Amino acid sequence: MGLKQIDYGTAEYNQMVQLRKQLLRLPLGLNFTEEELQKEKNDILIAAFDDDRILGCCMLCPLNKYTLRLRQMAVADNLQGKGIGASIMIFAENLARDKGYRHMLMHARDSAIGFYEKFGYKIKGTPFTEVNLPHHVMEKELL
């Protein structure tokens, strides 16, 4: 398995969009709009690959000079629980630090809170609904 930052609009990016669509959108009856995908041009796009096949991904969206928002974390269904998500998280945090970011946050689905807590993320504030599912803001200082 290899982890890398990928470029918007490439074949690798298209695989990333398809994985996110399959796992995160279609089960909720949602899809991506062109406008949503256009907004990803300036995001840090991270993916895990086995040769040319995408295994998992996430995006880091700059909110300000020191803060990133992790979004669209996904690992292929048949590969969950095998350490791919953990590898993506470690890679994403290290990349964020290397780029000078000091703080990461996310809107975590309630079903994913335990995963993020393993990496030191803490729940902030009260629950809210996003894409028709309960979520919490989770945050961590990148030291």
Protein backbone atom coordinates (compact mmCIF):
# COMPACT_ATOMS: atom_id res chain seq x y z
CA MET A 1 0.00 0.00 0.00
CA GLY A 2 1.23 3.48 -0.87
CA LEU A 3 -0.01 6.78 0.53
CA LYS A 4 0.29 10.02 -1.39
CA GLN A 5 -1.07 13.44 -2.06
CA ILE A 6 -2.94 13.43 -5.35
CA ASP A 7 -3.88 16.19 -7.77
CA TYR A 8 -7.36 17.48 -8.50
CA GLY A 9 -8.78 16.41 -11.86
CA THR A 10 -6.47 13.41 -12.39
CA ALA A 11 -7.46 9.77 -12.91
CA GLU A 12 -6.50 9.15 -9.26
CA TYR A 13 -8.80 11.97 -8.19
CA ASN A 14 -11.63 10.46 -10.24
CA GLN A 15 -11.14 7.15 -8.38
CA MET A 16 -11.27 9.10 -5.12
CA VAL A 17 -14.56 10.75 -6.09
CA GLN A 18 -16.04 7.36 -7.02
CA LEU A 19 -14.99 5.79 -3.71
CA ARG A 20 -16.44 8.69 -1.71
CA LYS A 21 -19.62 8.59 -3.79
CA GLN A 22 -20.04 4.82 -3.20
CA LEU A 23 -19.37 4.90 0.53
CA LEU A 24 -20.46 8.32 1.74
CA ARG A 25 -23.09 9.67 -0.63
CA LEU A 26 -25.12 6.98 -2.40
CA PRO A 27 -26.12 5.17 0.84
CA LEU A 28 -27.77 8.46 1.87
CA GLY A 29 -29.44 9.00 -1.50
CA LEU A 30 -27.00 11.82 -2.30
CA ASN A 31 -24.52 12.55 -5.07
CA PHE A 32 -21.89 15.22 -5.75
CA THR A 33 -22.71 18.38 -7.64
CA GLU A 34 -20.20 19.94 -10.04
CA GLU A 35 -20.07 22.95 -7.70
CA GLU A 36 -19.11 20.76 -4.73
CA LEU A 37 -16.32 19.09 -6.70
CA GLN A 38 -15.04 22.44 -8.03
CA LYS A 39 -14.52 23.60 -4.43
CA GLU A 40 -12.00 20.76 -3.94
CA LYS A 41 -9.44 22.36 -6.29
CA ASN A 42 -7.53 23.96 -3.42
CA ASP A 43 -7.85 21.09 -0.94
CA ILE A 44 -5.09 18.68 0.02
CA LEU A 45 -6.21 15.35 -1.44
CA ILE A 46 -4.80 12.17 0.13
CA ALA A 47 -5.27 8.59 -1.01
CA ALA A 48 -4.01 5.09 -0.29
CA PHE A 49 -3.39 2.87 -3.31
CA ASP A 50 -2.47 -0.73 -3.99
CA ASP A 51 -0.83 -0.41 -7.38
CA ASP A 52 -3.44 1.64 -9.29
CA ARG A 53 -6.46 0.70 -7.15
CA ILE A 54 -7.66 3.17 -4.53
CA LEU A 55 -8.10 1.71 -1.04
CA GLY A 56 -9.05 4.80 0.94
CA CYS A 57 -8.87 8.58 1.03
CA CYS A 58 -9.47 11.86 2.82
CA MET A 59 -9.29 15.57 2.11
CA LEU A 60 -7.76 18.39 4.12
CA CYS A 61 -9.46 21.74 3.60
CA PRO A 62 -7.60 24.85 4.76
CA LEU A 63 -9.78 27.02 7.00
CA ASN A 64 -7.06 29.53 7.87
CA LYS A 65 -3.25 29.73 8.11
CA TYR A 66 -3.09 27.21 10.98
CA THR A 67 -6.27 25.11 10.76
CA LEU A 68 -7.40 22.33 8.44
CA ARG A 69 -10.70 20.50 8.29
CA LEU A 70 -10.49 16.79 7.55
CA ARG A 71 -13.33 15.71 5.25
CA GLN A 72 -14.56 12.74 3.26
CA MET A 73 -12.54 10.05 5.05
CA ALA A 74 -13.38 6.74 3.38
CA VAL A 75 -11.94 3.23 3.21
CA ALA A 76 -13.30 0.59 0.84
CA ASP A 77 -15.91 -1.56 2.63
CA ASN A 78 -14.06 -4.85 2.29
CA LEU A 79 -10.85 -3.28 3.68
CA GLN A 80 -12.15 -1.54 6.80
CA GLY A 81 -10.51 -2.61 10.05
CA LYS A 82 -7.19 -3.46 8.38
CA GLY A 83 -5.26 -0.31 9.37
CA ILE A 84 -5.75 1.63 6.14
CA GLY A 85 -7.75 4.40 7.83
CA ALA A 86 -5.15 4.64 10.60
CA SER A 87 -2.36 4.93 8.01
CA ILE A 88 -4.28 7.66 6.18
CA MET A 89 -4.79 9.59 9.46
CA ILE A 90 -1.10 9.42 10.40
CA PHE A 91 -0.07 10.47 6.87
CA ALA A 92 -2.61 13.34 6.86
CA GLU A 93 -1.49 14.67 10.25
CA ASN A 94 2.20 14.48 9.30
CA LEU A 95 1.55 16.22 5.98
CA ALA A 96 -0.46 18.92 7.78
CA ARG A 97 2.39 19.52 10.24
CA ASP A 98 4.93 19.63 7.40
CA LYS A 99 2.83 22.34 5.73
CA GLY A 100 2.77 24.39 8.95
CA TYR A 101 -0.74 23.63 10.19
CA ARG A 102 -1.23 23.39 13.95
CA HIS A 103 -4.89 22.43 14.36
CA MET A 104 -7.20 19.90 12.71
CA LEU A 105 -10.95 19.54 13.05
CA MET A 106 -13.69 17.54 11.42
CA HIS A 107 -17.43 16.96 11.37
CA ALA A 108 -17.44 13.34 12.50
CA ARG A 109 -20.39 11.05 11.96
CA ASP A 110 -21.39 9.57 15.30
CA SER A 111 -20.45 6.13 13.96
CA ALA A 112 -16.83 7.31 13.47
CA ILE A 113 -16.23 9.06 16.80
CA GLY A 114 -14.44 6.08 18.37
CA PHE A 115 -12.04 5.89 15.42
CA TYR A 116 -11.04 9.55 15.72
CA GLU A 117 -10.76 9.39 19.51
CA LYS A 118 -7.98 6.79 19.06
CA PHE A 119 -5.94 9.56 17.43
CA GLY A 120 -6.55 12.08 20.21
CA TYR A 121 -9.46 14.00 18.73
CA LYS A 122 -11.94 15.42 21.24
CA ILE A 123 -15.60 16.26 20.80
CA LYS A 124 -16.37 19.99 20.94
CA GLY A 125 -19.84 21.45 21.36
CA THR A 126 -23.18 19.81 20.82
CA PRO A 127 -24.29 17.31 18.16
CA PHE A 128 -25.77 18.54 14.89
CA THR A 129 -27.24 17.01 11.74
CA GLU A 130 -25.35 17.03 8.45
CA VAL A 131 -26.29 15.00 5.36
CA ASN A 132 -29.21 13.68 7.41
CA LEU A 133 -26.90 12.02 10.00
CA PRO A 134 -25.85 13.01 13.52
CA HIS A 135 -22.36 14.55 13.66
CA HIS A 136 -20.02 16.14 16.20
CA VAL A 137 -17.19 18.59 15.71
CA MET A 138 -13.95 16.94 16.79
CA GLU A 139 -10.64 18.77 17.18
CA LYS A 140 -6.98 18.16 17.87
CA GLU A 141 -3.86 20.29 18.22
CA LEU A 142 -1.12 19.01 15.95
CA LEU A 143 2.00 19.16 18.10
